C-alpha atoms as a PDB file:
ATOM      1  CA  MET A   1     -25.593   5.316  -5.514  1.00  0.00           C
ATOM      2  CA  HIS A   2     -23.245   8.323  -5.470  1.00  0.00           C
ATOM      3  CA  LEU A   3     -21.188   8.902  -2.335  1.00  0.00           C
ATOM      4  CA  HIS A   4     -19.957  12.282  -1.189  1.00  0.00           C
ATOM      5  CA  PRO A   5     -16.258  12.561  -2.234  1.00  0.00           C
ATOM      6  CA  LEU A   6     -15.062  12.811   1.371  1.00  0.00           C
ATOM      7  CA  VAL A   7     -17.124   9.755   2.334  1.00  0.00           C
ATOM      8  CA  ALA A   8     -15.710   7.852  -0.658  1.00  0.00           C
ATOM      9  CA  LEU A   9     -12.143   8.736   0.347  1.00  0.00           C
ATOM     10  CA  HIS A  10     -12.598   7.786   3.989  1.00  0.00           C
ATOM     11  CA  LEU A  11     -14.299   4.525   3.019  1.00  0.00           C
ATOM     12  CA  SER A  12     -11.495   3.681   0.569  1.00  0.00           C
ATOM     13  CA  VAL A  13      -8.799   4.363   3.165  1.00  0.00           C
ATOM     14  CA  LEU A  14     -10.752   2.294   5.703  1.00  0.00           C
ATOM     15  CA  LEU A  15     -10.732  -0.591   3.216  1.00  0.00           C
ATOM     16  CA  PHE A  16      -7.024  -0.158   2.470  1.00  0.00           C
ATOM     17  CA  GLY A  17      -6.276  -0.206   6.190  1.00  0.00           C
ATOM     18  CA  GLY A  18      -8.493  -3.243   6.657  1.00  0.00           C
ATOM     19  CA  ALA A  19      -6.601  -5.157   3.956  1.00  0.00           C
ATOM     20  CA  GLY A  20      -3.772  -5.712   6.410  1.00  0.00           C
ATOM     21  CA  LEU A  21      -6.057  -7.798   8.636  1.00  0.00           C
ATOM     22  CA  PHE A  22      -6.128 -10.533   5.998  1.00  0.00           C
ATOM     23  CA  GLY A  23      -2.529 -11.302   6.931  1.00  0.00           C
ATOM     24  CA  LYS A  24      -3.963 -12.602  10.199  1.00  0.00           C
ATOM     25  CA  LEU A  25      -7.355 -13.826   8.991  1.00  0.00           C
ATOM     26  CA  VAL A  26      -5.966 -16.037   6.195  1.00  0.00           C
ATOM     27  CA  ALA A  27      -3.531 -18.732   7.359  1.00  0.00           C
ATOM     28  CA  LEU A  28      -1.623 -18.843   4.070  1.00  0.00           C
ATOM     29  CA  PRO A  29       1.891 -17.791   3.030  1.00  0.00           C
ATOM     30  CA  PRO A  30       2.170 -14.123   1.995  1.00  0.00           C
ATOM     31  CA  ASP A  31       2.873 -14.946  -1.664  1.00  0.00           C
ATOM     32  CA  VAL A  32      -0.334 -17.011  -1.870  1.00  0.00           C
ATOM     33  CA  ILE A  33      -2.360 -14.229  -0.221  1.00  0.00           C
ATOM     34  CA  VAL A  34      -0.997 -11.615  -2.612  1.00  0.00           C
ATOM     35  CA  THR A  35      -1.544 -13.860  -5.643  1.00  0.00           C
ATOM     36  CA  GLY A  36      -5.198 -14.210  -4.677  1.00  0.00           C
ATOM     37  CA  ARG A  37      -5.485 -10.489  -4.041  1.00  0.00           C
ATOM     38  CA  VAL A  38      -4.068  -9.341  -7.390  1.00  0.00           C
ATOM     39  CA  ALA A  39      -5.701 -12.135  -9.394  1.00  0.00           C
ATOM     40  CA  PHE A  40      -9.201 -11.343  -8.140  1.00  0.00           C
ATOM     41  CA  ALA A  41      -8.551  -7.593  -8.453  1.00  0.00           C
ATOM     42  CA  SER A  42      -7.491  -7.879 -12.101  1.00  0.00           C
ATOM     43  CA  LEU A  43     -10.406 -10.229 -12.885  1.00  0.00           C
ATOM     44  CA  VAL A  44     -12.977  -7.753 -11.568  1.00  0.00           C
ATOM     45  CA  LEU A  45     -11.275  -4.644 -12.996  1.00  0.00           C
ATOM     46  CA  ALA A  46     -11.095  -5.985 -16.568  1.00  0.00           C
ATOM     47  CA  PRO A  47     -14.883  -6.050 -17.204  1.00  0.00           C
ATOM     48  CA  VAL A  48     -15.400  -2.814 -15.279  1.00  0.00           C
ATOM     49  CA  LEU A  49     -12.916  -0.997 -17.504  1.00  0.00           C
ATOM     50  CA  ALA A  50     -14.379  -2.634 -20.615  1.00  0.00           C
ATOM     51  CA  VAL A  51     -17.868  -1.387 -19.705  1.00  0.00           C
ATOM     52  CA  ARG A  52     -16.399   2.079 -19.232  1.00  0.00           C
ATOM     53  CA  SER A  53     -14.800   1.797 -22.703  1.00  0.00           C
ATOM     54  CA  GLN A  54     -11.322   2.231 -21.278  1.00  0.00           C
ATOM     55  CA  ARG A  55      -8.543   0.567 -23.212  1.00  0.00           C
ATOM     56  CA  LEU A  56      -6.939  -2.423 -21.503  1.00  0.00           C
ATOM     57  CA  ARG A  57      -3.996  -2.852 -23.852  1.00  0.00           C
ATOM     58  CA  PRO A  58      -0.891  -0.700 -23.327  1.00  0.00           C
ATOM     59  CA  ASN A  59      -0.983   2.588 -25.226  1.00  0.00           C
ATOM     60  CA  ARG A  60       2.323   1.684 -26.841  1.00  0.00           C
ATOM     61  CA  LEU A  61       4.283  -1.537 -27.029  1.00  0.00           C
ATOM     62  CA  ARG A  62       7.389  -0.088 -25.386  1.00  0.00           C
ATOM     63  CA  ASP A  63       5.359   0.542 -22.215  1.00  0.00           C
ATOM     64  CA  LEU A  64       4.830  -3.201 -21.729  1.00  0.00           C
ATOM     65  CA  PRO A  65       8.202  -4.062 -20.082  1.00  0.00           C
ATOM     66  CA  GLY A  66       7.768  -1.153 -17.678  1.00  0.00           C
ATOM     67  CA  LEU A  67       4.222  -2.167 -16.758  1.00  0.00           C
ATOM     68  CA  MET A  68       5.414  -5.724 -16.155  1.00  0.00           C
ATOM     69  CA  ALA A  69       8.216  -4.428 -13.920  1.00  0.00           C
ATOM     70  CA  LEU A  70       5.746  -2.281 -11.957  1.00  0.00           C
ATOM     71  CA  GLY A  71       3.558  -5.342 -11.430  1.00  0.00           C
ATOM     72  CA  ALA A  72       6.502  -7.387 -10.171  1.00  0.00           C
ATOM     73  CA  LEU A  73       7.476  -4.562  -7.805  1.00  0.00           C
ATOM     74  CA  LEU A  74       3.890  -4.313  -6.523  1.00  0.00           C
ATOM     75  CA  ALA A  75       3.903  -8.071  -5.902  1.00  0.00           C
ATOM     76  CA  ALA A  76       7.159  -7.826  -3.940  1.00  0.00           C
ATOM     77  CA  HIS A  77       5.824  -4.867  -1.931  1.00  0.00           C
ATOM     78  CA  TRP A  78       2.634  -6.634  -0.886  1.00  0.00           C
ATOM     79  CA  VAL A  79       4.404  -9.934  -0.085  1.00  0.00           C
ATOM     80  CA  ILE A  80       6.804  -8.050   2.196  1.00  0.00           C
ATOM     81  CA  PHE A  81       3.911  -6.103   3.738  1.00  0.00           C
ATOM     82  CA  PHE A  82       1.882  -9.206   4.620  1.00  0.00           C
ATOM     83  CA  HIS A  83       4.991 -10.998   5.866  1.00  0.00           C
ATOM     84  CA  SER A  84       5.601  -8.092   8.249  1.00  0.00           C
ATOM     85  CA  ILE A  85       2.066  -8.354   9.633  1.00  0.00           C
ATOM     86  CA  GLN A  86       2.127 -12.129   9.943  1.00  0.00           C
ATOM     87  CA  ILE A  87       5.292 -12.222  12.046  1.00  0.00           C
ATOM     88  CA  SER A  88       4.383  -9.226  14.229  1.00  0.00           C
ATOM     89  CA  SER A  89       1.052  -7.387  14.310  1.00  0.00           C
ATOM     90  CA  VAL A  90      -1.215  -5.316  12.119  1.00  0.00           C
ATOM     91  CA  ALA A  91      -0.143  -2.179  13.990  1.00  0.00           C
ATOM     92  CA  VAL A  92       3.586  -2.759  13.523  1.00  0.00           C
ATOM     93  CA  GLY A  93       3.193  -3.623   9.836  1.00  0.00           C
ATOM     94  CA  LEU A  94       0.974  -0.640   9.021  1.00  0.00           C
ATOM     95  CA  LEU A  95       2.905   1.921  11.044  1.00  0.00           C
ATOM     96  CA  THR A  96       6.347   1.036   9.709  1.00  0.00           C
ATOM     97  CA  TYR A  97       4.961   0.831   6.154  1.00  0.00           C
ATOM     98  CA  SER A  98       3.700   4.395   6.677  1.00  0.00           C
ATOM     99  CA  THR A  99       7.289   5.621   6.350  1.00  0.00           C
ATOM    100  CA  PHE A 100       6.877   5.547   2.559  1.00  0.00           C
ATOM    101  CA  PRO A 101       6.296   9.332   2.087  1.00  0.00           C
ATOM    102  CA  VAL A 102       9.632   9.973   3.832  1.00  0.00           C
ATOM    103  CA  PHE A 103      11.370   7.416   1.624  1.00  0.00           C
ATOM    104  CA  THR A 104       9.727   8.955  -1.443  1.00  0.00           C
ATOM    105  CA  ALA A 105      10.937  12.457  -0.586  1.00  0.00           C
ATOM    106  CA  PHE A 106      14.426  11.121   0.144  1.00  0.00           C
ATOM    107  CA  LEU A 107      14.697   8.980  -3.006  1.00  0.00           C
ATOM    108  CA  GLU A 108      13.213  11.366  -5.576  1.00  0.00           C
ATOM    109  CA  PRO A 109      16.346  13.541  -5.809  1.00  0.00           C
ATOM    110  CA  LEU A 110      18.412  10.376  -6.357  1.00  0.00           C
ATOM    111  CA  LEU A 111      16.164   8.951  -9.056  1.00  0.00           C
ATOM    112  CA  LEU A 112      14.705  12.070 -10.686  1.00  0.00           C
ATOM    113  CA  ARG A 113      16.651  15.057 -11.948  1.00  0.00           C
ATOM    114  CA  ASP A 114      13.810  17.525 -11.417  1.00  0.00           C
ATOM    115  CA  GLU A 115      13.799  17.083  -7.634  1.00  0.00           C
ATOM    116  CA  ARG A 116      16.123  18.460  -4.967  1.00  0.00           C
ATOM    117  CA  TRP A 117      16.744  17.511  -1.388  1.00  0.00           C
ATOM    118  CA  SER A 118      15.685  19.856   1.379  1.00  0.00           C
ATOM    119  CA  TRP A 119      16.379  20.012   5.081  1.00  0.00           C
ATOM    120  CA  ARG A 120      12.688  19.254   5.618  1.00  0.00           C
ATOM    121  CA  GLU A 121      12.997  15.792   4.042  1.00  0.00           C
ATOM    122  CA  LEU A 122      16.248  15.025   5.852  1.00  0.00           C
ATOM    123  CA  GLY A 123      14.738  16.147   9.160  1.00  0.00           C
ATOM    124  CA  ALA A 124      11.601  14.081   8.528  1.00  0.00           C
ATOM    125  CA  ALA A 125      13.765  11.022   7.840  1.00  0.00           C
ATOM    126  CA  LEU A 126      15.425  11.407  11.250  1.00  0.00           C
ATOM    127  CA  VAL A 127      12.053  11.907  12.942  1.00  0.00           C
ATOM    128  CA  ALA A 128      10.649   8.798  11.234  1.00  0.00           C
ATOM    129  CA  LEU A 129      13.733   6.849  12.306  1.00  0.00           C
ATOM    130  CA  ALA A 130      13.031   7.859  15.902  1.00  0.00           C
ATOM    131  CA  GLY A 131       9.450   6.627  15.506  1.00  0.00           C
ATOM    132  CA  ILE A 132      10.634   3.272  14.160  1.00  0.00           C
ATOM    133  CA  ALA A 133      13.034   3.005  17.097  1.00  0.00           C
ATOM    134  CA  LEU A 134      10.064   3.331  19.442  1.00  0.00           C
ATOM    135  CA  VAL A 135       8.042   0.714  17.563  1.00  0.00           C
ATOM    136  CA  VAL A 136      10.958  -1.738  17.751  1.00  0.00           C
ATOM    137  CA  PRO A 137      10.809  -3.402  21.204  1.00  0.00           C
ATOM    138  CA  GLU A 138      14.490  -4.394  21.244  1.00  0.00           C
ATOM    139  CA  LEU A 139      17.462  -4.510  18.881  1.00  0.00           C
ATOM    140  CA  SER A 140      17.345  -8.275  18.535  1.00  0.00           C
ATOM    141  CA  TRP A 141      16.535 -10.190  15.369  1.00  0.00           C
ATOM    142  CA  GLU A 142      15.150 -12.944  17.584  1.00  0.00           C
ATOM    143  CA  ASN A 143      12.221 -10.690  18.496  1.00  0.00           C
ATOM    144  CA  SER A 144       9.411 -11.186  15.972  1.00  0.00           C
ATOM    145  CA  PHE A 145       8.183  -7.603  16.399  1.00  0.00           C
ATOM    146  CA  THR A 146      11.649  -6.294  15.567  1.00  0.00           C
ATOM    147  CA  ARG A 147      11.676  -8.412  12.421  1.00  0.00           C
ATOM    148  CA  GLY A 148       8.156  -7.223  11.628  1.00  0.00           C
ATOM    149  CA  ALA A 149       9.245  -3.587  11.937  1.00  0.00           C
ATOM    150  CA  PHE A 150      12.192  -4.265   9.604  1.00  0.00           C
ATOM    151  CA  TRP A 151      10.006  -5.866   6.932  1.00  0.00           C
ATOM    152  CA  GLY A 152       7.317  -3.199   7.374  1.00  0.00           C
ATOM    153  CA  THR A 153       9.898  -0.476   6.803  1.00  0.00           C
ATOM    154  CA  LEU A 154      11.131  -2.369   3.743  1.00  0.00           C
ATOM    155  CA  ALA A 155       7.520  -2.441   2.517  1.00  0.00           C
ATOM    156  CA  GLY A 156       7.496   1.349   2.869  1.00  0.00           C
ATOM    157  CA  LEU A 157      10.726   1.576   0.870  1.00  0.00           C
ATOM    158  CA  THR A 158       9.441  -0.641  -1.948  1.00  0.00           C
ATOM    159  CA  PHE A 159       6.193   1.325  -2.119  1.00  0.00           C
ATOM    160  CA  ALA A 160       8.177   4.568  -2.344  1.00  0.00           C
ATOM    161  CA  VAL A 161      10.155   3.168  -5.290  1.00  0.00           C
ATOM    162  CA  LEU A 162       6.896   2.002  -6.888  1.00  0.00           C
ATOM    163  CA  SER A 163       5.334   5.456  -6.455  1.00  0.00           C
ATOM    164  CA  ILE A 164       8.306   7.166  -8.097  1.00  0.00           C
ATOM    165  CA  ALA A 165       8.431   4.633 -10.936  1.00  0.00           C
ATOM    166  CA  ASN A 166       4.696   5.172 -11.510  1.00  0.00           C
ATOM    167  CA  ARG A 167       5.068   8.887 -12.112  1.00  0.00           C
ATOM    168  CA  GLY A 168       5.525   8.775 -15.887  1.00  0.00           C
ATOM    169  CA  TYR A 169       2.841   6.147 -16.407  1.00  0.00           C
ATOM    170  CA  ARG A 170       0.256   8.154 -14.467  1.00  0.00           C
ATOM    171  CA  ARG A 171       0.514  10.846 -17.130  1.00  0.00           C
ATOM    172  CA  ARG A 172      -0.360   8.351 -19.879  1.00  0.00           C
ATOM    173  CA  TYR A 173      -2.828   5.981 -18.196  1.00  0.00           C
ATOM    174  CA  PRO A 174      -5.970   6.487 -16.084  1.00  0.00           C
ATOM    175  CA  ALA A 175      -5.346   5.433 -12.498  1.00  0.00           C
ATOM    176  CA  LEU A 176      -7.732   2.476 -12.594  1.00  0.00           C
ATOM    177  CA  VAL A 177      -6.216   1.182 -15.847  1.00  0.00           C
ATOM    178  CA  LEU A 178      -2.777   1.387 -14.257  1.00  0.00           C
ATOM    179  CA  THR A 179      -4.117  -0.515 -11.236  1.00  0.00           C
ATOM    180  CA  PHE A 180      -5.426  -3.223 -13.565  1.00  0.00           C
ATOM    181  CA  HIS A 181      -2.072  -3.597 -15.340  1.00  0.00           C
ATOM    182  CA  GLN A 182      -0.130  -3.733 -12.098  1.00  0.00           C
ATOM    183  CA  SER A 183      -2.508  -6.310 -10.633  1.00  0.00           C
ATOM    184  CA  LEU A 184      -2.387  -8.400 -13.813  1.00  0.00           C
ATOM    185  CA  TRP A 185       1.407  -8.417 -14.069  1.00  0.00           C
ATOM    186  CA  ALA A 186       1.781  -8.947 -10.323  1.00  0.00           C
ATOM    187  CA  THR A 187      -0.310 -12.097 -10.795  1.00  0.00           C
ATOM    188  CA  VAL A 188       1.901 -13.239 -13.658  1.00  0.00           C
ATOM    189  CA  ALA A 189       5.027 -12.587 -11.592  1.00  0.00           C
ATOM    190  CA  LEU A 190       3.751 -14.575  -8.608  1.00  0.00           C
ATOM    191  CA  VAL A 191       2.199 -17.587 -10.352  1.00  0.00           C
ATOM    192  CA  PRO A 192       5.558 -19.381 -10.901  1.00  0.00           C
ATOM    193  CA  PHE A 193       6.283 -19.132  -7.165  1.00  0.00           C
ATOM    194  CA  VAL A 194       2.926 -20.450  -5.967  1.00  0.00           C
ATOM    195  CA  ALA A 195       2.159 -22.946  -8.758  1.00  0.00           C
ATOM    196  CA  GLY A 196       4.486 -25.576  -7.340  1.00  0.00           C
ATOM    197  CA  SER A 197       3.504 -24.918  -3.751  1.00  0.00           C
ATOM    198  CA  ALA A 198       1.884 -27.679  -1.753  1.00  0.00           C
ATOM    199  CA  VAL A 199      -0.427 -25.107  -0.163  1.00  0.00           C
ATOM    200  CA  ARG A 200      -4.006 -25.407  -1.352  1.00  0.00           C
ATOM    201  CA  PRO A 201      -6.442 -22.784  -0.042  1.00  0.00           C
ATOM    202  CA  SER A 202      -9.702 -24.058   1.380  1.00  0.00           C
ATOM    203  CA  PRO A 203     -13.022 -22.788  -0.057  1.00  0.00           C
ATOM    204  CA  VAL A 204     -13.323 -20.383   2.889  1.00  0.00           C
ATOM    205  CA  GLU A 205      -9.808 -19.050   2.268  1.00  0.00           C
ATOM    206  CA  VAL A 206     -10.562 -18.622  -1.441  1.00  0.00           C
ATOM    207  CA  GLY A 207     -13.645 -16.638  -0.429  1.00  0.00           C
ATOM    208  CA  LEU A 208     -11.560 -14.412   1.834  1.00  0.00           C
ATOM    209  CA  LEU A 209      -9.006 -13.857  -0.936  1.00  0.00           C
ATOM    210  CA  ALA A 210     -11.834 -12.922  -3.310  1.00  0.00           C
ATOM    211  CA  LEU A 211     -13.111 -10.455  -0.693  1.00  0.00           C
ATOM    212  CA  LEU A 212      -9.607  -9.009  -0.357  1.00  0.00           C
ATOM    213  CA  GLY A 213      -9.159  -8.648  -4.114  1.00  0.00           C
ATOM    214  CA  VAL A 214     -12.620  -7.403  -5.050  1.00  0.00           C
ATOM    215  CA  VAL A 215     -13.663  -5.216  -2.100  1.00  0.00           C
ATOM    216  CA  PHE A 216     -10.436  -4.283  -0.297  1.00  0.00           C
ATOM    217  CA  THR A 217      -8.457  -3.718  -3.495  1.00  0.00           C
ATOM    218  CA  ALA A 218     -10.509  -3.087  -6.651  1.00  0.00           C
ATOM    219  CA  LEU A 219     -13.453  -1.325  -4.967  1.00  0.00           C
ATOM    220  CA  ALA A 220     -11.117   0.564  -2.626  1.00  0.00           C
ATOM    221  CA  HIS A 221      -9.137   1.911  -5.579  1.00  0.00           C
ATOM    222  CA  GLY A 222     -12.322   2.901  -7.379  1.00  0.00           C
ATOM    223  CA  LEU A 223     -13.617   4.804  -4.353  1.00  0.00           C
ATOM    224  CA  PHE A 224     -10.262   6.500  -3.796  1.00  0.00           C
ATOM    225  CA  ILE A 225      -9.994   7.633  -7.415  1.00  0.00           C
ATOM    226  CA  SER A 226     -13.610   8.853  -7.536  1.00  0.00           C
ATOM    227  CA  GLY A 227     -13.086  10.861  -4.360  1.00  0.00           C
ATOM    228  CA  LEU A 228      -9.985  12.556  -5.752  1.00  0.00           C
ATOM    229  CA  HIS A 229     -11.974  14.262  -8.505  1.00  0.00           C
ATOM    230  CA  ALA A 230     -13.693  16.646  -6.084  1.00  0.00           C
ATOM    231  CA  VAL A 231     -11.236  16.910  -3.158  1.00  0.00           C
ATOM    232  CA  ARG A 232      -8.004  18.888  -2.998  1.00  0.00           C
ATOM    233  CA  ALA A 233      -4.904  16.709  -3.073  1.00  0.00           C
ATOM    234  CA  ARG A 234      -3.696  17.985   0.305  1.00  0.00           C
ATOM    235  CA  VAL A 235      -7.004  17.003   1.924  1.00  0.00           C
ATOM    236  CA  ALA A 236      -6.830  13.595   0.257  1.00  0.00           C
ATOM    237  CA  SER A 237      -3.270  13.179   1.534  1.00  0.00           C
ATOM    238  CA  VAL A 238      -4.397  13.800   5.104  1.00  0.00           C
ATOM    239  CA  ILE A 239      -7.189  11.245   4.720  1.00  0.00           C
ATOM    240  CA  ALA A 240      -4.768   8.721   3.179  1.00  0.00           C
ATOM    241  CA  ALA A 241      -2.519   9.145   6.217  1.00  0.00           C
ATOM    242  CA  LEU A 242      -5.363   7.687   8.317  1.00  0.00           C
ATOM    243  CA  GLU A 243      -4.820   4.230   6.774  1.00  0.00           C
ATOM    244  CA  PRO A 244      -2.834   2.852   9.745  1.00  0.00           C
ATOM    245  CA  VAL A 245      -5.283   4.451  12.187  1.00  0.00           C
ATOM    246  CA  TYR A 246      -8.240   2.718  10.560  1.00  0.00           C
ATOM    247  CA  GLY A 247      -6.327  -0.541  10.212  1.00  0.00           C
ATOM    248  CA  ILE A 248      -5.231  -0.580  13.856  1.00  0.00           C
ATOM    249  CA  ALA A 249      -8.764   0.249  15.004  1.00  0.00           C
ATOM    250  CA  LEU A 250     -10.191  -2.615  12.942  1.00  0.00           C
ATOM    251  CA  ALA A 251      -7.515  -4.980  14.267  1.00  0.00           C
ATOM    252  CA  ALA A 252      -8.392  -4.000  17.825  1.00  0.00           C
ATOM    253  CA  ILE A 253     -12.110  -4.587  17.229  1.00  0.00           C
ATOM    254  CA  LEU A 254     -11.948  -7.730  15.085  1.00  0.00           C
ATOM    255  CA  LEU A 255      -8.719  -9.398  16.189  1.00  0.00           C
ATOM    256  CA  GLY A 256      -8.273  -8.090  19.717  1.00  0.00           C
ATOM    257  CA  GLU A 257      -4.828  -6.687  18.834  1.00  0.00           C
ATOM    258  CA  ILE A 258      -4.272  -3.737  21.165  1.00  0.00           C
ATOM    259  CA  PRO A 259      -0.982  -1.945  20.461  1.00  0.00           C
ATOM    260  CA  GLY A 260       1.220  -0.998  23.395  1.00  0.00           C
ATOM    261  CA  ALA A 261       2.118   2.536  24.419  1.00  0.00           C
ATOM    262  CA  ARG A 262       5.528   2.377  22.675  1.00  0.00           C
ATOM    263  CA  THR A 263       3.942   1.263  19.407  1.00  0.00           C
ATOM    264  CA  VAL A 264       1.308   3.998  19.576  1.00  0.00           C
ATOM    265  CA  GLY A 265       3.930   6.636  20.420  1.00  0.00           C
ATOM    266  CA  GLY A 266       6.209   5.503  17.616  1.00  0.00           C
ATOM    267  CA  GLY A 267       3.271   5.423  15.221  1.00  0.00           C
ATOM    268  CA  VAL A 268       2.295   8.995  16.058  1.00  0.00           C
ATOM    269  CA  ILE A 269       5.857  10.111  15.316  1.00  0.00           C
ATOM    270  CA  ILE A 270       6.007   8.190  12.016  1.00  0.00           C
ATOM    271  CA  ILE A 271       2.658   9.543  10.820  1.00  0.00           C
ATOM    272  CA  ALA A 272       3.660  13.079  11.880  1.00  0.00           C
ATOM    273  CA  ALA A 273       6.911  12.797   9.896  1.00  0.00           C
ATOM    274  CA  ALA A 274       5.027  11.501   6.851  1.00  0.00           C
ATOM    275  CA  ALA A 275       2.473  14.319   7.123  1.00  0.00           C
ATOM    276  CA  TRP A 276       5.277  16.872   7.524  1.00  0.00           C
ATOM    277  CA  VAL A 277       6.804  15.749   4.233  1.00  0.00           C
ATOM    278  CA  THR A 278       3.509  15.334   2.383  1.00  0.00           C
ATOM    279  CA  LEU A 279       1.895  18.614   3.421  1.00  0.00           C
ATOM    280  CA  GLY A 280       4.870  20.841   4.060  1.00  0.00           C
ATOM    281  CA  GLY A 281       6.091  21.399   0.507  1.00  0.00           C
ATOM    282  CA  GLY A 282       5.330  24.442  -1.548  1.00  0.00           C
ATOM    283  CA  ASN A 283       3.410  22.521  -4.188  1.00  0.00           C
ATOM    284  CA  GLU A 284       0.076  20.822  -3.937  1.00  0.00           C
ATOM    285  CA  ALA A 285       0.575  17.386  -2.510  1.00  0.00           C
ATOM    286  CA  THR A 286      -0.240  14.373  -4.640  1.00  0.00           C
ATOM    287  CA  PRO A 287      -1.751  11.517  -2.637  1.00  0.00           C
ATOM    288  CA  PRO A 288      -0.684   7.963  -3.390  1.00  0.00           C
ATOM    289  CA  ALA A 289      -2.663   6.342  -6.186  1.00  0.00           C
ATOM    290  CA  ASP A 290      -2.040   2.864  -4.868  1.00  0.00           C
ATOM    291  CA  PRO A 291      -2.036   2.601  -1.084  1.00  0.00           C
ATOM    292  CA  ALA A 292      -1.490  -0.739   0.584  1.00  0.00           C
END
């Protein structure tokens, strides 16, 4: 069955947004959740890529340390992301994570020589900061929603670093192959932390982790990548920005989590700042290849 590219993109972003709900649906530590997610994703992607005759081994041996580092960074990003949701709400975690385009625009001139700062990025950073201030209920670390906003923003920062670090590898590897490598090495990075844990997922929890890894990660990436082939990058970027909207809607329907007016207002500001950075440049925007 072939989906229309726009339908494929919207469905993929819906799945990415829905992934955050597993932080509430699965009563396991974030590192265990992420280990299940990346392990099942890599297990299902390996045969898919083999059937498509896409090479699983690195193109060159010197790429291996970098791919391993990207996997470890992805693992850290997703652990932080799920921790944010578990201690606050799906809305807070998704909205504060959505600051990543602002972080990306701000960090690229620091990390890459071919980029320059602009007043647009600096202005967007201030606007996003105002949005985060609205999401935060009070400046007290004792408030779990404040801590959730902090960790969600840190998830946005780590994803921005991951996106920038991915740039060179995206020129040498197909997106789905890169997703496989990052999932595989994220699994390897996390296994030492969870192997000695006393936590043992129940059969139902293992099933939910398989659902998260296969449908909400591997399938979501496949749909997103297939949709990109026939849709302009700017259009795809706008659709990708709907991830927190879809996630919050699903949380409201399935979990009964209704965000307050401050959270909604702050979220609108954050998403507007991210869209301003993503769509406002002179060049065609490049949507993220690996959303949360």
